[in-house]
Amino acid sequence: MWKWVAALVVLYLAGFIAFVANLPVPKPAAKRAQGIVALTGGDERLSAAVNLLESNEADRLLISGVHPNTTKEEVKRLTHGGARFDCCADMGYMAENTRGNAQEAANWARAHRFKSLIVVTASYHMPRSLTEFEAAMPGVKLEPYPVEPEDIDLQGWWHDARALRVLQGEYAKYLASTVRNAVYRPPLDGHDQGGKSRTASR
């Protein structure tokens, strides 16, 4: 019995180390796509996505998981958006979590007939995000654009209690997401994503 427990612990730790070691690194540029989806959860994600839109790296931007009380004008001021933000940025208020982000983005992509998306989120959040996005919109090409979080030291995570806690939590969620999507695919119409968001994406 204890041998099985020890083996599972070793397997989990090995997987965790591999997960952290293979986190995507921020990119200087992104391949152009039809749309951009930014998952809320940090100002650096929104600023990066708006910069991509203003640089004409895509035709339209969706910011998914926006707080119900946050307006487009407030997001524009926060991210220093310009003329393209006015015409081509959409606020998504329905997503409550990463799975909801994926379903909200899938509905948005279908509405605009987009077949390629740049996905903007924190580097540690990208693996789970792509797992959920791939499940929600099979056939859509996803271009990851990871952003380094400002408040977490990912380089020295092993001696940073907060970074270790965030990464462990994200790894556990990633495993759960991977298993769930292996046995169950969410409806392509996104009807099971739940109510309106009250917080940023996790």
C-alpha atoms as a PDB file:
ATOM      1  CA  MET A   1       0.000   0.000   0.000  1.00  0.00           C
ATOM      2  CA  TRP A   2       2.668   2.475   1.078  1.00  0.00           C
ATOM      3  CA  LYS A   3       4.739   1.600  -1.963  1.00  0.00           C
ATOM      4  CA  TRP A   4       1.841   2.656  -4.196  1.00  0.00           C
ATOM      5  CA  VAL A   5       1.430   5.889  -2.272  1.00  0.00           C
ATOM      6  CA  ALA A   6       5.154   6.615  -2.501  1.00  0.00           C
ATOM      7  CA  ALA A   7       5.126   5.843  -6.233  1.00  0.00           C
ATOM      8  CA  LEU A   8       2.202   8.218  -6.792  1.00  0.00           C
ATOM      9  CA  VAL A   9       3.930  10.978  -4.829  1.00  0.00           C
ATOM     10  CA  VAL A  10       7.114  10.542  -6.844  1.00  0.00           C
ATOM     11  CA  LEU A  11       5.127  10.519 -10.074  1.00  0.00           C
ATOM     12  CA  TYR A  12       3.255  13.679  -9.061  1.00  0.00           C
ATOM     13  CA  LEU A  13       6.442  15.501  -8.110  1.00  0.00           C
ATOM     14  CA  ALA A  14       8.178  14.454 -11.307  1.00  0.00           C
ATOM     15  CA  GLY A  15       5.216  15.657 -13.332  1.00  0.00           C
ATOM     16  CA  PHE A  16       5.149  18.941 -11.425  1.00  0.00           C
ATOM     17  CA  ILE A  17       8.833  19.608 -12.072  1.00  0.00           C
ATOM     18  CA  ALA A  18       8.364  18.793 -15.765  1.00  0.00           C
ATOM     19  CA  PHE A  19       5.312  21.082 -15.869  1.00  0.00           C
ATOM     20  CA  VAL A  20       7.252  24.032 -14.454  1.00  0.00           C
ATOM     21  CA  ALA A  21      10.331  23.352 -16.580  1.00  0.00           C
ATOM     22  CA  ASN A  22       8.244  23.383 -19.757  1.00  0.00           C
ATOM     23  CA  LEU A  23       6.166  26.482 -19.091  1.00  0.00           C
ATOM     24  CA  PRO A  24       6.131  28.684 -22.209  1.00  0.00           C
ATOM     25  CA  VAL A  25       8.312  31.772 -22.188  1.00  0.00           C
ATOM     26  CA  PRO A  26       7.166  35.246 -23.267  1.00  0.00           C
ATOM     27  CA  LYS A  27       7.561  36.008 -26.959  1.00  0.00           C
ATOM     28  CA  PRO A  28       8.826  39.201 -28.587  1.00  0.00           C
ATOM     29  CA  ALA A  29       6.146  38.879 -31.275  1.00  0.00           C
ATOM     30  CA  ALA A  30       3.136  36.776 -32.224  1.00  0.00           C
ATOM     31  CA  LYS A  31       2.095  35.166 -35.481  1.00  0.00           C
ATOM     32  CA  ARG A  32      -0.803  37.062 -36.950  1.00  0.00           C
ATOM     33  CA  ALA A  33      -4.245  35.520 -36.399  1.00  0.00           C
ATOM     34  CA  GLN A  34      -7.845  36.501 -37.021  1.00  0.00           C
ATOM     35  CA  GLY A  35      -8.637  37.142 -33.361  1.00  0.00           C
ATOM     36  CA  ILE A  36      -7.021  37.711 -29.977  1.00  0.00           C
ATOM     37  CA  VAL A  37      -8.421  36.409 -26.696  1.00  0.00           C
ATOM     38  CA  ALA A  38      -7.083  37.845 -23.431  1.00  0.00           C
ATOM     39  CA  LEU A  39      -7.923  36.054 -20.190  1.00  0.00           C
ATOM     40  CA  THR A  40      -8.271  38.508 -17.335  1.00  0.00           C
ATOM     41  CA  GLY A  41      -6.289  38.015 -14.165  1.00  0.00           C
ATOM     42  CA  GLY A  42      -3.498  40.568 -14.426  1.00  0.00           C
ATOM     43  CA  ASP A  43      -2.975  43.989 -15.970  1.00  0.00           C
ATOM     44  CA  GLU A  44       0.035  42.726 -17.915  1.00  0.00           C
ATOM     45  CA  ARG A  45      -2.186  40.290 -19.847  1.00  0.00           C
ATOM     46  CA  LEU A  46      -4.587  43.024 -20.922  1.00  0.00           C
ATOM     47  CA  SER A  47      -1.824  45.446 -21.885  1.00  0.00           C
ATOM     48  CA  ALA A  48      -0.093  42.787 -23.976  1.00  0.00           C
ATOM     49  CA  ALA A  49      -3.324  41.868 -25.777  1.00  0.00           C
ATOM     50  CA  VAL A  50      -4.218  45.491 -26.501  1.00  0.00           C
ATOM     51  CA  ASN A  51      -0.715  46.126 -27.831  1.00  0.00           C
ATOM     52  CA  LEU A  52      -1.140  43.186 -30.205  1.00  0.00           C
ATOM     53  CA  LEU A  53      -4.468  44.574 -31.407  1.00  0.00           C
ATOM     54  CA  GLU A  54      -3.111  48.096 -31.876  1.00  0.00           C
ATOM     55  CA  SER A  55      -0.149  46.593 -33.785  1.00  0.00           C
ATOM     56  CA  ASN A  56      -2.632  44.935 -36.165  1.00  0.00           C
ATOM     57  CA  GLU A  57      -1.647  41.391 -35.206  1.00  0.00           C
ATOM     58  CA  ALA A  58      -5.331  40.403 -35.454  1.00  0.00           C
ATOM     59  CA  ASP A  59      -8.654  41.806 -36.636  1.00  0.00           C
ATOM     60  CA  ARG A  60     -10.457  41.776 -33.299  1.00  0.00           C
ATOM     61  CA  LEU A  61      -9.900  41.310 -29.556  1.00  0.00           C
ATOM     62  CA  LEU A  62     -12.010  39.607 -26.892  1.00  0.00           C
ATOM     63  CA  ILE A  63     -11.228  40.279 -23.239  1.00  0.00           C
ATOM     64  CA  SER A  64     -12.827  37.341 -21.456  1.00  0.00           C
ATOM     65  CA  GLY A  65     -13.843  37.248 -17.809  1.00  0.00           C
ATOM     66  CA  VAL A  66     -14.385  40.975 -17.301  1.00  0.00           C
ATOM     67  CA  HIS A  67     -15.943  42.028 -13.996  1.00  0.00           C
ATOM     68  CA  PRO A  68     -19.600  43.023 -14.514  1.00  0.00           C
ATOM     69  CA  ASN A  69     -18.950  46.519 -13.170  1.00  0.00           C
ATOM     70  CA  THR A  70     -15.962  47.194 -15.417  1.00  0.00           C
ATOM     71  CA  THR A  71     -16.628  49.223 -18.551  1.00  0.00           C
ATOM     72  CA  LYS A  72     -14.850  49.202 -21.870  1.00  0.00           C
ATOM     73  CA  GLU A  73     -13.768  52.791 -21.264  1.00  0.00           C
ATOM     74  CA  GLU A  74     -12.072  51.787 -17.997  1.00  0.00           C
ATOM     75  CA  VAL A  75     -10.192  48.978 -19.701  1.00  0.00           C
ATOM     76  CA  LYS A  76      -9.123  51.357 -22.458  1.00  0.00           C
ATOM     77  CA  ARG A  77      -7.675  53.806 -19.938  1.00  0.00           C
ATOM     78  CA  LEU A  78      -5.920  51.018 -18.043  1.00  0.00           C
ATOM     79  CA  THR A  79      -4.295  49.575 -21.162  1.00  0.00           C
ATOM     80  CA  HIS A  80      -3.765  52.836 -23.090  1.00  0.00           C
ATOM     81  CA  GLY A  81      -5.861  51.550 -25.977  1.00  0.00           C
ATOM     82  CA  GLY A  82      -6.212  53.564 -29.154  1.00  0.00           C
ATOM     83  CA  ALA A  83      -8.464  53.768 -32.189  1.00  0.00           C
ATOM     84  CA  ARG A  84      -8.426  50.041 -32.886  1.00  0.00           C
ATOM     85  CA  PHE A  85      -9.509  49.320 -29.325  1.00  0.00           C
ATOM     86  CA  ASP A  86     -12.575  51.528 -29.865  1.00  0.00           C
ATOM     87  CA  CYS A  87     -13.692  49.685 -32.968  1.00  0.00           C
ATOM     88  CA  CYS A  88     -12.430  46.185 -32.505  1.00  0.00           C
ATOM     89  CA  ALA A  89     -12.332  45.196 -28.814  1.00  0.00           C
ATOM     90  CA  ASP A  90     -15.148  43.242 -27.183  1.00  0.00           C
ATOM     91  CA  MET A  91     -15.756  42.748 -23.462  1.00  0.00           C
ATOM     92  CA  GLY A  92     -16.749  39.262 -22.318  1.00  0.00           C
ATOM     93  CA  TYR A  93     -18.685  39.233 -19.036  1.00  0.00           C
ATOM     94  CA  MET A  94     -19.913  35.627 -18.852  1.00  0.00           C
ATOM     95  CA  ALA A  95     -16.818  33.588 -17.964  1.00  0.00           C
ATOM     96  CA  GLU A  96     -16.258  32.648 -14.321  1.00  0.00           C
ATOM     97  CA  ASN A  97     -13.197  30.461 -14.765  1.00  0.00           C
ATOM     98  CA  THR A  98     -10.804  29.142 -17.404  1.00  0.00           C
ATOM     99  CA  ARG A  99     -13.311  26.682 -18.786  1.00  0.00           C
ATOM    100  CA  GLY A 100     -15.814  29.519 -19.070  1.00  0.00           C
ATOM    101  CA  ASN A 101     -13.177  31.621 -20.835  1.00  0.00           C
ATOM    102  CA  ALA A 102     -12.769  28.881 -23.419  1.00  0.00           C
ATOM    103  CA  GLN A 103     -16.508  28.554 -24.017  1.00  0.00           C
ATOM    104  CA  GLU A 104     -16.971  32.316 -24.197  1.00  0.00           C
ATOM    105  CA  ALA A 105     -14.094  32.562 -26.667  1.00  0.00           C
ATOM    106  CA  ALA A 106     -15.467  29.678 -28.722  1.00  0.00           C
ATOM    107  CA  ASN A 107     -18.849  31.379 -29.078  1.00  0.00           C
ATOM    108  CA  TRP A 108     -17.133  34.635 -30.018  1.00  0.00           C
ATOM    109  CA  ALA A 109     -14.887  32.938 -32.569  1.00  0.00           C
ATOM    110  CA  ARG A 110     -17.850  31.174 -34.177  1.00  0.00           C
ATOM    111  CA  ALA A 111     -19.824  34.424 -34.336  1.00  0.00           C
ATOM    112  CA  HIS A 112     -16.969  36.070 -36.233  1.00  0.00           C
ATOM    113  CA  ARG A 113     -16.059  32.920 -38.175  1.00  0.00           C
ATOM    114  CA  PHE A 114     -12.504  33.040 -36.875  1.00  0.00           C
ATOM    115  CA  LYS A 115     -10.308  30.018 -37.477  1.00  0.00           C
ATOM    116  CA  SER A 116      -7.183  31.275 -35.721  1.00  0.00           C
ATOM    117  CA  LEU A 117      -6.707  32.935 -32.340  1.00  0.00           C
ATOM    118  CA  ILE A 118      -3.858  34.382 -30.315  1.00  0.00           C
ATOM    119  CA  VAL A 119      -4.383  33.354 -26.676  1.00  0.00           C
ATOM    120  CA  VAL A 120      -2.946  35.793 -24.120  1.00  0.00           C
ATOM    121  CA  THR A 121      -2.567  34.768 -20.489  1.00  0.00           C
ATOM    122  CA  ALA A 122       0.121  34.238 -17.847  1.00  0.00           C
ATOM    123  CA  SER A 123       2.804  31.705 -18.719  1.00  0.00           C
ATOM    124  CA  TYR A 124       1.880  29.391 -15.818  1.00  0.00           C
ATOM    125  CA  HIS A 125      -1.782  29.538 -16.868  1.00  0.00           C
ATOM    126  CA  MET A 126      -1.167  28.811 -20.557  1.00  0.00           C
ATOM    127  CA  PRO A 127      -1.048  24.958 -20.486  1.00  0.00           C
ATOM    128  CA  ARG A 128      -4.472  24.675 -18.833  1.00  0.00           C
ATOM    129  CA  SER A 129      -5.904  27.450 -20.988  1.00  0.00           C
ATOM    130  CA  LEU A 130      -4.859  25.697 -24.191  1.00  0.00           C
ATOM    131  CA  THR A 131      -6.304  22.404 -22.922  1.00  0.00           C
ATOM    132  CA  GLU A 132      -9.671  24.062 -22.357  1.00  0.00           C
ATOM    133  CA  PHE A 133      -9.573  26.093 -25.593  1.00  0.00           C
ATOM    134  CA  GLU A 134      -8.708  23.041 -27.686  1.00  0.00           C
ATOM    135  CA  ALA A 135     -11.628  21.152 -26.157  1.00  0.00           C
ATOM    136  CA  ALA A 136     -14.072  24.023 -26.701  1.00  0.00           C
ATOM    137  CA  MET A 137     -13.107  24.856 -30.283  1.00  0.00           C
ATOM    138  CA  PRO A 138     -11.568  21.924 -32.140  1.00  0.00           C
ATOM    139  CA  GLY A 139     -10.283  22.963 -35.532  1.00  0.00           C
ATOM    140  CA  VAL A 140      -9.362  26.508 -34.488  1.00  0.00           C
ATOM    141  CA  LYS A 141      -5.638  27.249 -34.666  1.00  0.00           C
ATOM    142  CA  LEU A 142      -4.366  28.560 -31.339  1.00  0.00           C
ATOM    143  CA  GLU A 143      -1.260  30.722 -31.071  1.00  0.00           C
ATOM    144  CA  PRO A 144      -0.097  31.002 -27.434  1.00  0.00           C
ATOM    145  CA  TYR A 145       1.210  34.385 -26.304  1.00  0.00           C
ATOM    146  CA  PRO A 146       2.384  33.856 -22.720  1.00  0.00           C
ATOM    147  CA  VAL A 147       2.966  36.839 -20.454  1.00  0.00           C
ATOM    148  CA  GLU A 148       5.305  36.859 -17.463  1.00  0.00           C
ATOM    149  CA  PRO A 149       3.292  37.713 -14.318  1.00  0.00           C
ATOM    150  CA  GLU A 150       4.616  40.734 -12.454  1.00  0.00           C
ATOM    151  CA  ASP A 151       3.797  39.523  -8.942  1.00  0.00           C
ATOM    152  CA  ILE A 152       5.219  35.982  -9.058  1.00  0.00           C
ATOM    153  CA  ASP A 153       8.890  34.991  -9.248  1.00  0.00           C
ATOM    154  CA  LEU A 154       8.756  32.064 -11.644  1.00  0.00           C
ATOM    155  CA  GLN A 155      12.526  31.977 -12.053  1.00  0.00           C
ATOM    156  CA  GLY A 156      13.111  31.278  -8.369  1.00  0.00           C
ATOM    157  CA  TRP A 157       9.896  29.425  -7.619  1.00  0.00           C
ATOM    158  CA  TRP A 158      11.558  26.769  -5.430  1.00  0.00           C
ATOM    159  CA  HIS A 159      12.444  29.321  -2.739  1.00  0.00           C
ATOM    160  CA  ASP A 160       9.362  31.531  -3.122  1.00  0.00           C
ATOM    161  CA  ALA A 161       6.439  30.227  -1.064  1.00  0.00           C
ATOM    162  CA  ARG A 162       3.825  32.183  -3.029  1.00  0.00           C
ATOM    163  CA  ALA A 163       5.180  31.080  -6.409  1.00  0.00           C
ATOM    164  CA  LEU A 164       5.316  27.457  -5.240  1.00  0.00           C
ATOM    165  CA  ARG A 165       1.732  27.636  -3.998  1.00  0.00           C
ATOM    166  CA  VAL A 166       0.467  29.181  -7.257  1.00  0.00           C
ATOM    167  CA  LEU A 167       2.342  26.687  -9.431  1.00  0.00           C
ATOM    168  CA  GLN A 168       1.222  23.676  -7.378  1.00  0.00           C
ATOM    169  CA  GLY A 169      -2.378  24.843  -7.578  1.00  0.00           C
ATOM    170  CA  GLU A 170      -2.135  25.445 -11.301  1.00  0.00           C
ATOM    171  CA  TYR A 171      -0.537  22.037 -11.901  1.00  0.00           C
ATOM    172  CA  ALA A 172      -3.348  20.296  -9.996  1.00  0.00           C
ATOM    173  CA  LYS A 173      -5.953  22.215 -12.023  1.00  0.00           C
ATOM    174  CA  TYR A 174      -4.112  21.374 -15.228  1.00  0.00           C
ATOM    175  CA  LEU A 175      -4.194  17.657 -14.412  1.00  0.00           C
ATOM    176  CA  ALA A 176      -7.902  17.810 -13.576  1.00  0.00           C
ATOM    177  CA  SER A 177      -8.616  19.736 -16.771  1.00  0.00           C
ATOM    178  CA  THR A 178      -6.653  17.282 -18.884  1.00  0.00           C
ATOM    179  CA  VAL A 179      -8.445  14.260 -17.414  1.00  0.00           C
ATOM    180  CA  ARG A 180     -11.892  15.861 -17.672  1.00  0.00           C
ATOM    181  CA  ASN A 181     -11.445  16.874 -21.291  1.00  0.00           C
ATOM    182  CA  ALA A 182     -10.142  13.425 -22.145  1.00  0.00           C
ATOM    183  CA  VAL A 183     -13.451  11.875 -21.105  1.00  0.00           C
ATOM    184  CA  TYR A 184     -15.878  14.735 -21.683  1.00  0.00           C
ATOM    185  CA  ARG A 185     -16.079  17.511 -24.244  1.00  0.00           C
ATOM    186  CA  PRO A 186     -18.082  20.642 -23.333  1.00  0.00           C
ATOM    187  CA  PRO A 187     -21.048  21.477 -25.584  1.00  0.00           C
ATOM    188  CA  LEU A 188     -19.960  23.563 -28.546  1.00  0.00           C
ATOM    189  CA  ASP A 189     -22.720  26.090 -27.908  1.00  0.00           C
ATOM    190  CA  GLY A 190     -21.224  26.984 -24.514  1.00  0.00           C
ATOM    191  CA  HIS A 191     -24.529  26.673 -22.611  1.00  0.00           C
ATOM    192  CA  ASP A 192     -22.955  25.037 -19.573  1.00  0.00           C
ATOM    193  CA  GLN A 193     -20.532  27.785 -18.693  1.00  0.00           C
ATOM    194  CA  GLY A 194     -22.640  29.203 -15.883  1.00  0.00           C
ATOM    195  CA  GLY A 195     -23.546  32.667 -14.771  1.00  0.00           C
ATOM    196  CA  LYS A 196     -21.855  36.008 -15.092  1.00  0.00           C
ATOM    197  CA  SER A 197     -18.319  36.545 -13.925  1.00  0.00           C
ATOM    198  CA  ARG A 198     -17.620  38.397 -10.718  1.00  0.00           C
ATOM    199  CA  THR A 199     -13.864  38.022 -10.733  1.00  0.00           C
ATOM    200  CA  ALA A 200     -10.961  37.805 -13.119  1.00  0.00           C
ATOM    201  CA  SER A 201     -10.025  34.516 -14.707  1.00  0.00           C
ATOM    202  CA  ARG A 202      -8.081  32.006 -12.661  1.00  0.00           C
END
